[in-house]
Amino acid sequence: MSLKSEIFKLKNGCISICILSVLLFFDARAQHIDSNNANVISWDYDEEKSEGFSIGTVLSEIFTPQIIIDTKHIRHYILDERFQVLRNRYGDLRTIDAIYLKSLKIADYNIARALFLSFMAVLEHRKIEIKIPIVSSLKVPLTFEKDSIFSARIKHLPTQVYSDSPAIPEGDRDKLQHFFGSAYLSYASEAPDFTRTLGNLIEWGEPVFIVGGTDDPRDKRANKQGESFGRDLLVVTTLLPSDYLTFQYEDRK
């Protein structure tokens, strides 16, 4: 083979390598730009920014139960404006999955703890008013959030939970606390029948003991779905809320 032929091959090889390098550079550049695009977001967006060292904060965290710290964390997740980006892009059903997935991460993948955190994240009653014969009623607080923070979190919660959710601002956001509350009790107690009975008792007692309470069959549906979710998580740990919120259950008499 001639020297001229070898030089020709070497030149073509160098040109090919240069072209490939340029293509790889622009491809990497495009990926870099895409990853920093404001439109690119996942359920697990950046953690809360550190506020810096503070002796008061350190002491507060030492003496504050971890469940309270974790509850604050998941509620901050919902308050973040990026949570609304998730809702707008992927819909409320997938955003409910995001709440559970984030709770799992906060809870170090302890499912019982994650279900409880999910319940605290979607709790939309600031207080309940219990009917008492002598004093008329007694208000019992369920959360100690500031009014402004509580209102903002409630507005961020998913509302279109079902295909038949009411087309009103509130939608079915109150069904989320029924779903996750039942899921937690079912998983933690490992007794779905107990959870169902307790849920039915609560629904029966609402109009009797709670001011403004009603026995709502839609609440029972959410209870039943949550009960099944918690029960099945005992066997299959990769299930998601959306796997169950799409199921239709007939109320048991």
Protein backbone atom coordinates (compact mmCIF):
# COMPACT_ATOMS: atom_id res chain seq x y z
CA MET A 1 0.00 0.00 0.00
CA SER A 2 1.39 3.41 -0.99
CA LEU A 3 2.37 6.15 1.41
CA LYS A 4 -0.06 8.48 -0.36
CA SER A 5 -2.93 6.07 0.33
CA GLU A 6 -2.00 5.84 4.02
CA ILE A 7 -1.87 9.62 4.34
CA PHE A 8 -5.28 9.87 2.65
CA LYS A 9 -6.82 7.39 5.12
CA LEU A 10 -5.23 9.17 8.08
CA LYS A 11 -6.58 12.51 6.87
CA ASN A 12 -10.10 11.09 6.46
CA GLY A 13 -9.89 9.53 9.90
CA CYS A 14 -8.89 12.83 11.48
CA ILE A 15 -11.73 14.62 9.69
CA SER A 16 -14.22 12.00 10.91
CA ILE A 17 -12.97 12.35 14.48
CA CYS A 18 -13.27 16.14 14.29
CA ILE A 19 -16.82 15.95 12.93
CA LEU A 20 -17.80 13.44 15.61
CA SER A 21 -16.27 15.63 18.32
CA VAL A 22 -18.21 18.66 17.09
CA LEU A 23 -21.46 16.68 17.00
CA LEU A 24 -20.88 15.33 20.51
CA PHE A 25 -20.08 18.83 21.75
CA PHE A 26 -23.33 20.30 20.43
CA ASP A 27 -25.31 17.30 21.63
CA ALA A 28 -23.87 17.70 25.13
CA ARG A 29 -24.50 21.44 24.97
CA ALA A 30 -28.11 20.83 23.95
CA GLN A 31 -28.58 18.40 26.82
CA HIS A 32 -27.06 20.89 29.24
CA ILE A 33 -29.38 23.64 28.06
CA ASP A 34 -32.38 21.29 28.25
CA SER A 35 -31.54 20.23 31.81
CA ASN A 36 -31.45 23.87 32.88
CA ASN A 37 -34.61 24.79 31.02
CA ALA A 38 -37.24 26.28 33.33
CA ASN A 39 -39.79 23.98 31.73
CA VAL A 40 -37.95 20.84 32.86
CA ILE A 41 -39.10 19.69 36.31
CA SER A 42 -39.56 16.42 38.13
CA TRP A 43 -41.57 15.50 41.22
CA ASP A 44 -38.39 15.60 43.31
CA TYR A 45 -37.32 19.19 42.74
CA ASP A 46 -34.56 20.86 44.75
CA GLU A 47 -34.54 20.61 48.50
CA GLU A 48 -35.26 23.64 50.67
CA LYS A 49 -32.39 26.10 50.77
CA SER A 50 -30.40 26.21 53.97
CA GLU A 51 -31.02 29.36 56.00
CA GLY A 52 -27.51 29.23 57.45
CA PHE A 53 -26.29 28.28 60.89
CA SER A 54 -28.36 29.47 63.82
CA ILE A 55 -27.97 28.27 67.41
CA GLY A 56 -31.69 28.87 67.89
CA THR A 57 -32.53 26.68 64.90
CA VAL A 58 -30.18 23.92 66.10
CA LEU A 59 -31.69 23.91 69.59
CA SER A 60 -35.19 24.00 68.14
CA GLU A 61 -34.50 20.96 65.98
CA ILE A 62 -32.95 19.08 68.89
CA PHE A 63 -36.06 19.47 71.03
CA THR A 64 -38.61 19.20 68.21
CA PRO A 65 -39.96 15.70 67.47
CA GLN A 66 -38.84 14.43 64.07
CA ILE A 67 -42.42 13.86 62.91
CA ILE A 68 -43.12 17.59 63.32
CA ILE A 69 -39.98 18.50 61.36
CA ASP A 70 -40.94 16.03 58.62
CA THR A 71 -44.51 17.37 58.51
CA LYS A 72 -43.18 20.88 58.05
CA HIS A 73 -40.93 19.63 55.24
CA ILE A 74 -43.72 17.96 53.23
CA ARG A 75 -45.95 21.00 53.68
CA HIS A 76 -43.19 23.26 52.37
CA TYR A 77 -43.03 20.96 49.35
CA ILE A 78 -46.69 21.68 48.59
CA LEU A 79 -46.28 25.41 49.21
CA ASP A 80 -43.44 25.63 46.67
CA GLU A 81 -44.49 27.28 43.38
CA ARG A 82 -42.96 24.35 41.50
CA PHE A 83 -45.67 22.12 42.97
CA GLN A 84 -48.18 24.12 40.92
CA VAL A 85 -46.03 23.58 37.83
CA LEU A 86 -46.39 19.83 38.43
CA ARG A 87 -50.16 20.16 38.79
CA ASN A 88 -50.54 22.19 35.62
CA ARG A 89 -48.31 19.92 33.57
CA TYR A 90 -49.19 16.43 34.76
CA GLY A 91 -52.62 16.79 36.35
CA ASP A 92 -53.87 16.42 39.90
CA LEU A 93 -53.81 12.62 40.00
CA ARG A 94 -50.08 12.43 39.27
CA THR A 95 -49.46 15.27 41.72
CA ILE A 96 -51.05 13.16 44.45
CA ASP A 97 -48.49 10.48 43.59
CA ALA A 98 -45.79 13.15 43.93
CA ILE A 99 -46.93 13.98 47.47
CA TYR A 100 -46.64 10.33 48.47
CA LEU A 101 -43.28 9.86 46.73
CA LYS A 102 -41.85 12.94 48.43
CA SER A 103 -43.19 11.73 51.77
CA LEU A 104 -41.46 8.40 51.18
CA LYS A 105 -38.14 10.13 50.64
CA ILE A 106 -38.56 12.35 53.71
CA ALA A 107 -39.46 9.27 55.77
CA ASP A 108 -36.38 7.35 54.57
CA TYR A 109 -38.76 5.01 52.74
CA ASN A 110 -40.63 3.96 55.87
CA ILE A 111 -44.07 3.37 54.34
CA ALA A 112 -46.13 3.81 57.53
CA ARG A 113 -44.42 7.11 58.27
CA ALA A 114 -44.80 8.23 54.65
CA LEU A 115 -48.54 7.54 54.68
CA PHE A 116 -48.91 9.55 57.88
CA LEU A 117 -46.89 12.43 56.41
CA SER A 118 -49.05 12.33 53.28
CA PHE A 119 -52.13 12.59 55.50
CA MET A 120 -50.67 15.59 57.34
CA ALA A 121 -49.73 17.18 54.00
CA VAL A 122 -53.31 17.11 52.69
CA LEU A 123 -55.16 17.78 55.96
CA GLU A 124 -57.60 20.53 55.00
CA HIS A 125 -59.48 21.05 58.27
CA ARG A 126 -57.94 23.66 60.55
CA LYS A 127 -60.20 22.60 63.41
CA ILE A 128 -63.30 20.56 64.11
CA GLU A 129 -66.23 21.73 66.20
CA ILE A 130 -67.64 18.99 68.41
CA LYS A 131 -71.24 19.18 69.60
CA ILE A 132 -71.48 19.12 73.39
CA PRO A 133 -74.92 19.36 75.08
CA ILE A 134 -74.02 21.71 77.94
CA VAL A 135 -71.51 24.10 76.32
CA SER A 136 -73.06 23.86 72.82
CA SER A 137 -69.76 23.03 71.04
CA LEU A 138 -66.00 22.71 71.54
CA LYS A 139 -63.46 23.71 68.88
CA VAL A 140 -60.53 21.31 68.62
CA PRO A 141 -57.48 22.47 66.56
CA LEU A 142 -56.01 19.98 64.07
CA THR A 143 -53.07 22.09 62.90
CA PHE A 144 -51.09 24.98 64.34
CA GLU A 145 -50.04 26.54 61.05
CA LYS A 146 -50.34 30.29 60.64
CA ASP A 147 -53.58 31.28 58.94
CA SER A 148 -51.78 32.59 55.84
CA ILE A 149 -49.66 29.43 55.46
CA PHE A 150 -52.63 27.14 56.04
CA SER A 151 -54.72 28.99 53.43
CA ALA A 152 -51.89 28.94 50.89
CA ARG A 153 -51.28 25.20 51.37
CA ILE A 154 -54.98 24.38 51.00
CA LYS A 155 -55.17 26.35 47.75
CA HIS A 156 -52.22 24.34 46.38
CA LEU A 157 -53.78 20.93 47.09
CA PRO A 158 -55.06 18.81 44.17
CA THR A 159 -58.82 19.12 43.72
CA GLN A 160 -59.73 17.02 40.67
CA VAL A 161 -59.17 13.69 42.36
CA TYR A 162 -61.83 11.79 40.40
CA SER A 163 -63.38 11.94 36.98
CA ASP A 164 -66.61 13.03 38.69
CA SER A 165 -65.02 15.61 41.00
CA PRO A 166 -67.19 18.77 41.26
CA ALA A 167 -66.12 21.57 38.93
CA ILE A 168 -65.70 24.02 41.80
CA PRO A 169 -62.52 25.46 43.38
CA GLU A 170 -62.70 23.02 46.30
CA GLY A 171 -63.37 20.00 44.08
CA ASP A 172 -62.61 16.81 46.02
CA ARG A 173 -59.52 17.97 47.91
CA ASP A 174 -61.14 16.91 51.21
CA LYS A 175 -61.17 13.31 49.96
CA LEU A 176 -57.37 13.19 50.12
CA GLN A 177 -57.33 13.23 53.92
CA HIS A 178 -59.84 10.35 53.92
CA PHE A 179 -57.71 8.39 51.45
CA PHE A 180 -54.34 8.80 53.16
CA GLY A 181 -55.80 8.54 56.68
CA SER A 182 -57.41 5.19 55.83
CA ALA A 183 -54.28 4.02 54.04
CA TYR A 184 -52.17 4.76 57.11
CA LEU A 185 -54.53 2.97 59.52
CA SER A 186 -54.85 -0.02 57.19
CA TYR A 187 -51.09 -0.37 56.74
CA ALA A 188 -50.06 0.37 60.33
CA SER A 189 -52.72 -1.88 61.92
CA GLU A 190 -52.48 -4.58 59.23
CA ALA A 191 -56.25 -4.85 59.72
CA PRO A 192 -58.25 -3.48 56.76
CA ASP A 193 -61.56 -4.63 58.26
CA PHE A 194 -60.85 -2.61 61.39
CA THR A 195 -60.03 0.41 59.25
CA ARG A 196 -63.26 0.05 57.27
CA THR A 197 -65.34 -0.24 60.43
CA LEU A 198 -63.63 2.77 62.00
CA GLY A 199 -64.12 4.81 58.82
CA ASN A 200 -67.81 3.95 58.69
CA LEU A 201 -68.20 4.87 62.36
CA ILE A 202 -66.56 8.23 61.73
CA GLU A 203 -68.85 8.89 58.77
CA TRP A 204 -71.89 7.89 60.84
CA GLY A 205 -70.79 10.08 63.73
CA GLU A 206 -70.04 13.22 61.68
CA PRO A 207 -73.62 14.53 61.47
CA VAL A 208 -74.26 13.46 65.07
CA PHE A 209 -71.20 14.89 66.81
CA ILE A 210 -69.57 17.35 64.39
CA VAL A 211 -71.00 20.79 63.60
CA GLY A 212 -71.66 20.86 59.85
CA GLY A 213 -70.73 17.18 59.45
CA THR A 214 -72.49 14.91 56.93
CA ASP A 215 -72.52 11.19 56.18
CA ASP A 216 -71.00 11.41 52.68
CA PRO A 217 -70.89 8.30 50.43
CA ARG A 218 -68.02 9.93 48.50
CA ASP A 219 -66.01 10.05 51.72
CA LYS A 220 -66.68 6.33 52.13
CA ARG A 221 -65.39 5.71 48.62
CA ALA A 222 -62.13 7.51 49.45
CA ASN A 223 -61.90 5.59 52.74
CA LYS A 224 -62.32 2.27 50.93
CA GLN A 225 -59.72 3.14 48.29
CA GLY A 226 -57.22 4.21 50.95
CA GLU A 227 -57.89 1.07 52.96
CA SER A 228 -57.11 -1.09 49.92
CA PHE A 229 -53.99 0.94 49.12
CA GLY A 230 -52.60 0.51 52.64
CA ARG A 231 -53.46 -3.20 52.71
CA ASP A 232 -51.79 -3.93 49.38
CA LEU A 233 -48.66 -1.95 50.29
CA LEU A 234 -47.99 -4.65 52.86
CA VAL A 235 -47.33 -6.98 49.92
CA VAL A 236 -46.28 -4.74 47.01
CA THR A 237 -44.27 -1.73 48.14
CA THR A 238 -44.10 0.05 44.77
CA LEU A 239 -47.81 0.90 44.47
CA LEU A 240 -48.98 4.50 44.02
CA PRO A 241 -52.15 6.34 45.10
CA SER A 242 -53.23 6.79 41.48
CA ASP A 243 -53.41 3.00 41.16
CA TYR A 244 -56.36 3.11 43.58
CA LEU A 245 -58.03 6.49 43.15
CA THR A 246 -59.22 5.35 39.73
CA PHE A 247 -61.02 2.31 41.17
CA GLN A 248 -64.77 2.39 41.70
CA TYR A 249 -66.13 0.69 44.81
CA GLU A 250 -69.69 -0.11 45.73
CA ASP A 251 -70.61 0.89 49.26
CA ARG A 252 -71.14 -2.08 51.56
CA LYS A 253 -74.37 -2.02 53.48
